[in-house]
Amino acid sequence: MLRIGLLLLVLPILVLMGIYFLELGDVRECLLVQQGHWDYLAGTCRETPQPFVPWIERRPWLVNGGMLVSLAGLACCMAGLYLKKR
C-alpha cells in the first residue's frame, strides 16, 4: 500500500509539471521566435495581445483531479505506514 501511495502522491505532480513545461516551451517560442502573443485558450500564437488565462480556468479537471489523486496517495501512504508498524 505504501508503494501505491507514493506513486499516487508523486505521479500527478510530474504529469502537471510535464504538461506545464510543454506549454511553456510553446509560449516562449511564440514570444521569442515568432514575436507574437500566446492565446492561452486556443493554444496558438496570435498577432494581437491576448489575456492570460490561468490553468485552473483552462483545465480544471486536470488540476483538481491531480490534487485529489495526490491526496489519495497521501492517505494510502499514511495508512501503509500505520499498518506496517502494527
N, C-alpha and C. Protein backbone atom coordinates (compact mmCIF):
# COMPACT_ATOMS: atom_id res chain seq x y z
N MET A 1 0.83 -1.18 0.00
CA MET A 1 0.00 0.00 0.00
C MET A 1 0.88 1.26 0.00
N LEU A 2 2.03 1.16 0.62
CA LEU A 2 2.93 2.31 0.69
C LEU A 2 3.47 2.67 -0.69
N ARG A 3 3.82 1.69 -1.50
CA ARG A 3 4.33 1.96 -2.85
C ARG A 3 3.26 2.57 -3.75
N ILE A 4 2.05 2.07 -3.65
CA ILE A 4 0.95 2.64 -4.43
C ILE A 4 0.69 4.07 -3.99
N GLY A 5 0.73 4.31 -2.70
CA GLY A 5 0.53 5.66 -2.18
C GLY A 5 1.60 6.62 -2.66
N LEU A 6 2.85 6.18 -2.65
CA LEU A 6 3.93 7.04 -3.14
C LEU A 6 3.78 7.33 -4.62
N LEU A 7 3.36 6.33 -5.38
CA LEU A 7 3.14 6.53 -6.82
C LEU A 7 2.01 7.53 -7.06
N LEU A 8 0.92 7.37 -6.31
CA LEU A 8 -0.21 8.29 -6.46
C LEU A 8 0.13 9.69 -5.95
N LEU A 9 1.05 9.79 -5.03
CA LEU A 9 1.44 11.08 -4.49
C LEU A 9 2.34 11.84 -5.45
N VAL A 10 3.25 11.16 -6.12
CA VAL A 10 4.26 11.81 -6.95
C VAL A 10 3.85 11.92 -8.42
N LEU A 11 3.16 10.95 -8.94
CA LEU A 11 2.85 10.91 -10.38
C LEU A 11 2.04 12.11 -10.87
N PRO A 12 0.98 12.55 -10.18
CA PRO A 12 0.25 13.74 -10.67
C PRO A 12 1.11 15.00 -10.73
N ILE A 13 2.03 15.14 -9.79
CA ILE A 13 2.91 16.30 -9.79
C ILE A 13 3.80 16.28 -11.03
N LEU A 14 4.35 15.11 -11.34
CA LEU A 14 5.21 15.00 -12.51
C LEU A 14 4.43 15.23 -13.81
N VAL A 15 3.21 14.73 -13.87
CA VAL A 15 2.38 14.94 -15.06
C VAL A 15 2.05 16.42 -15.24
N LEU A 16 1.64 17.08 -14.17
CA LEU A 16 1.32 18.51 -14.25
C LEU A 16 2.54 19.34 -14.64
N MET A 17 3.69 19.02 -14.07
CA MET A 17 4.90 19.75 -14.42
C MET A 17 5.30 19.50 -15.87
N GLY A 18 5.14 18.27 -16.33
CA GLY A 18 5.46 17.95 -17.73
C GLY A 18 4.58 18.71 -18.70
N ILE A 19 3.29 18.74 -18.44
CA ILE A 19 2.37 19.47 -19.32
C ILE A 19 2.64 20.96 -19.25
N TYR A 20 2.95 21.46 -18.06
CA TYR A 20 3.26 22.88 -17.90
C TYR A 20 4.49 23.27 -18.72
N PHE A 21 5.57 22.47 -18.65
CA PHE A 21 6.78 22.82 -19.37
C PHE A 21 6.63 22.64 -20.88
N LEU A 22 5.79 21.72 -21.32
CA LEU A 22 5.50 21.62 -22.75
C LEU A 22 4.81 22.89 -23.25
N GLU A 23 3.83 23.36 -22.48
CA GLU A 23 3.14 24.58 -22.86
C GLU A 23 4.07 25.79 -22.76
N LEU A 24 4.92 25.82 -21.74
CA LEU A 24 5.86 26.93 -21.59
C LEU A 24 6.82 27.01 -22.78
N GLY A 25 7.24 25.88 -23.30
CA GLY A 25 8.08 25.88 -24.49
C GLY A 25 7.38 26.49 -25.69
N ASP A 26 6.10 26.17 -25.86
CA ASP A 26 5.33 26.76 -26.95
C ASP A 26 5.15 28.27 -26.76
N VAL A 27 4.89 28.69 -25.53
CA VAL A 27 4.71 30.11 -25.24
C VAL A 27 6.01 30.87 -25.51
N ARG A 28 7.13 30.34 -25.05
CA ARG A 28 8.42 31.01 -25.27
C ARG A 28 8.78 31.07 -26.75
N GLU A 29 8.48 30.02 -27.49
CA GLU A 29 8.73 30.04 -28.93
C GLU A 29 7.89 31.12 -29.60
N CYS A 30 6.65 31.24 -29.20
CA CYS A 30 5.77 32.25 -29.76
C CYS A 30 6.28 33.65 -29.45
N LEU A 31 6.67 33.89 -28.20
CA LEU A 31 7.11 35.22 -27.79
C LEU A 31 8.47 35.59 -28.35
N LEU A 32 9.43 34.67 -28.30
CA LEU A 32 10.80 35.00 -28.65
C LEU A 32 11.14 34.78 -30.13
N VAL A 33 10.63 33.72 -30.71
CA VAL A 33 10.98 33.40 -32.09
C VAL A 33 10.02 34.05 -33.08
N GLN A 34 8.73 33.88 -32.83
CA GLN A 34 7.73 34.40 -33.77
C GLN A 34 7.31 35.83 -33.47
N GLN A 35 7.75 36.38 -32.34
CA GLN A 35 7.42 37.75 -31.94
C GLN A 35 5.91 37.98 -31.90
N GLY A 36 5.16 37.00 -31.40
CA GLY A 36 3.71 37.10 -31.33
C GLY A 36 3.22 37.12 -29.89
N HIS A 37 1.93 36.88 -29.74
CA HIS A 37 1.29 36.83 -28.43
C HIS A 37 0.57 35.48 -28.31
N TRP A 38 0.75 34.82 -27.18
CA TRP A 38 0.18 33.48 -26.98
C TRP A 38 -1.28 33.57 -26.56
N ASP A 39 -2.12 32.84 -27.27
CA ASP A 39 -3.53 32.73 -26.91
C ASP A 39 -3.68 31.46 -26.07
N TYR A 40 -3.89 31.65 -24.78
CA TYR A 40 -3.92 30.51 -23.86
C TYR A 40 -5.15 29.64 -24.05
N LEU A 41 -6.26 30.21 -24.45
CA LEU A 41 -7.47 29.41 -24.64
C LEU A 41 -7.39 28.54 -25.88
N ALA A 42 -6.88 29.10 -26.98
CA ALA A 42 -6.79 28.34 -28.23
C ALA A 42 -5.50 27.56 -28.33
N GLY A 43 -4.48 27.98 -27.60
CA GLY A 43 -3.19 27.30 -27.67
C GLY A 43 -2.43 27.60 -28.94
N THR A 44 -2.58 28.82 -29.46
CA THR A 44 -1.90 29.21 -30.69
C THR A 44 -1.25 30.58 -30.52
N CYS A 45 -0.37 30.89 -31.44
CA CYS A 45 0.31 32.18 -31.44
C CYS A 45 -0.50 33.15 -32.30
N ARG A 46 -0.75 34.34 -31.78
CA ARG A 46 -1.56 35.34 -32.48
C ARG A 46 -0.75 36.61 -32.68
N GLU A 47 -1.26 37.49 -33.55
CA GLU A 47 -0.63 38.78 -33.81
C GLU A 47 -1.00 39.82 -32.75
N THR A 48 -2.20 39.73 -32.22
CA THR A 48 -2.69 40.73 -31.26
C THR A 48 -2.50 40.24 -29.83
N PRO A 49 -2.36 41.15 -28.88
CA PRO A 49 -2.22 40.74 -27.47
C PRO A 49 -3.45 39.96 -26.99
N GLN A 50 -3.17 38.94 -26.17
CA GLN A 50 -4.22 38.06 -25.64
C GLN A 50 -4.17 38.10 -24.12
N PRO A 51 -5.31 37.96 -23.46
CA PRO A 51 -5.29 37.95 -21.98
C PRO A 51 -4.73 36.63 -21.45
N PHE A 52 -4.14 36.71 -20.27
CA PHE A 52 -3.65 35.49 -19.60
C PHE A 52 -4.83 34.78 -18.96
N VAL A 53 -4.91 33.48 -19.17
CA VAL A 53 -5.95 32.65 -18.57
C VAL A 53 -5.24 31.56 -17.76
N PRO A 54 -5.42 31.53 -16.43
CA PRO A 54 -4.70 30.55 -15.61
C PRO A 54 -5.17 29.11 -15.90
N TRP A 55 -4.30 28.19 -15.47
CA TRP A 55 -4.57 26.77 -15.70
C TRP A 55 -5.87 26.31 -15.06
N ILE A 56 -6.17 26.83 -13.90
CA ILE A 56 -7.37 26.37 -13.18
C ILE A 56 -8.64 26.70 -13.96
N GLU A 57 -8.60 27.71 -14.81
CA GLU A 57 -9.75 28.03 -15.65
C GLU A 57 -9.74 27.25 -16.96
N ARG A 58 -8.54 26.95 -17.47
CA ARG A 58 -8.44 26.22 -18.74
C ARG A 58 -8.60 24.72 -18.57
N ARG A 59 -8.01 24.17 -17.53
CA ARG A 59 -8.04 22.72 -17.31
C ARG A 59 -8.37 22.41 -15.85
N PRO A 60 -9.61 22.70 -15.43
CA PRO A 60 -9.92 22.47 -14.00
C PRO A 60 -9.89 21.00 -13.61
N TRP A 61 -10.29 20.11 -14.50
CA TRP A 61 -10.29 18.68 -14.16
C TRP A 61 -8.88 18.16 -13.97
N LEU A 62 -7.95 18.66 -14.76
CA LEU A 62 -6.57 18.21 -14.64
C LEU A 62 -5.95 18.69 -13.32
N VAL A 63 -6.14 19.94 -12.99
CA VAL A 63 -5.55 20.49 -11.77
C VAL A 63 -6.22 19.89 -10.53
N ASN A 64 -7.52 19.96 -10.46
CA ASN A 64 -8.23 19.44 -9.28
C ASN A 64 -8.12 17.93 -9.18
N GLY A 65 -8.18 17.25 -10.31
CA GLY A 65 -8.03 15.79 -10.30
C GLY A 65 -6.65 15.37 -9.83
N GLY A 66 -5.62 16.10 -10.26
CA GLY A 66 -4.27 15.81 -9.81
C GLY A 66 -4.11 16.01 -8.31
N MET A 67 -4.75 17.06 -7.80
CA MET A 67 -4.68 17.30 -6.36
C MET A 67 -5.42 16.21 -5.59
N LEU A 68 -6.54 15.76 -6.11
CA LEU A 68 -7.29 14.69 -5.43
C LEU A 68 -6.53 13.37 -5.46
N VAL A 69 -5.88 13.07 -6.57
CA VAL A 69 -5.10 11.84 -6.66
C VAL A 69 -3.91 11.91 -5.69
N SER A 70 -3.27 13.07 -5.60
CA SER A 70 -2.17 13.24 -4.65
C SER A 70 -2.66 13.09 -3.21
N LEU A 71 -3.82 13.61 -2.93
CA LEU A 71 -4.38 13.47 -1.59
C LEU A 71 -4.70 12.00 -1.28
N ALA A 72 -5.22 11.29 -2.26
CA ALA A 72 -5.47 9.85 -2.07
C ALA A 72 -4.15 9.11 -1.86
N GLY A 73 -3.11 9.51 -2.58
CA GLY A 73 -1.79 8.91 -2.39
C GLY A 73 -1.24 9.17 -1.00
N LEU A 74 -1.47 10.38 -0.49
CA LEU A 74 -1.03 10.70 0.86
C LEU A 74 -1.78 9.84 1.88
N ALA A 75 -3.06 9.66 1.67
CA ALA A 75 -3.85 8.80 2.58
C ALA A 75 -3.35 7.36 2.53
N CYS A 76 -3.04 6.86 1.34
CA CYS A 76 -2.52 5.50 1.22
C CYS A 76 -1.16 5.37 1.90
N CYS A 77 -0.31 6.39 1.75
CA CYS A 77 1.00 6.36 2.42
C CYS A 77 0.83 6.33 3.93
N MET A 78 -0.05 7.17 4.43
CA MET A 78 -0.26 7.20 5.89
C MET A 78 -0.82 5.87 6.38
N ALA A 79 -1.77 5.31 5.64
CA ALA A 79 -2.32 4.01 6.04
C ALA A 79 -1.26 2.92 5.94
N GLY A 80 -0.45 2.96 4.90
CA GLY A 80 0.62 1.97 4.75
C GLY A 80 1.64 2.06 5.87
N LEU A 81 2.01 3.26 6.26
CA LEU A 81 2.95 3.41 7.36
C LEU A 81 2.34 2.99 8.70
N TYR A 82 1.07 3.30 8.89
CA TYR A 82 0.41 2.94 10.14
C TYR A 82 0.22 1.42 10.26
N LEU A 83 -0.22 0.79 9.19
CA LEU A 83 -0.46 -0.65 9.23
C LEU A 83 0.83 -1.44 9.28
N LYS A 84 1.91 -0.91 8.73
CA LYS A 84 3.18 -1.61 8.73
C LYS A 84 3.78 -1.67 10.13
N LYS A 85 3.58 -0.65 10.92
CA LYS A 85 4.16 -0.60 12.27
C LYS A 85 3.38 -1.44 13.27
N ARG A 86 2.15 -1.76 12.98
CA ARG A 86 1.33 -2.53 13.93
C ARG A 86 1.77 -3.92 14.04
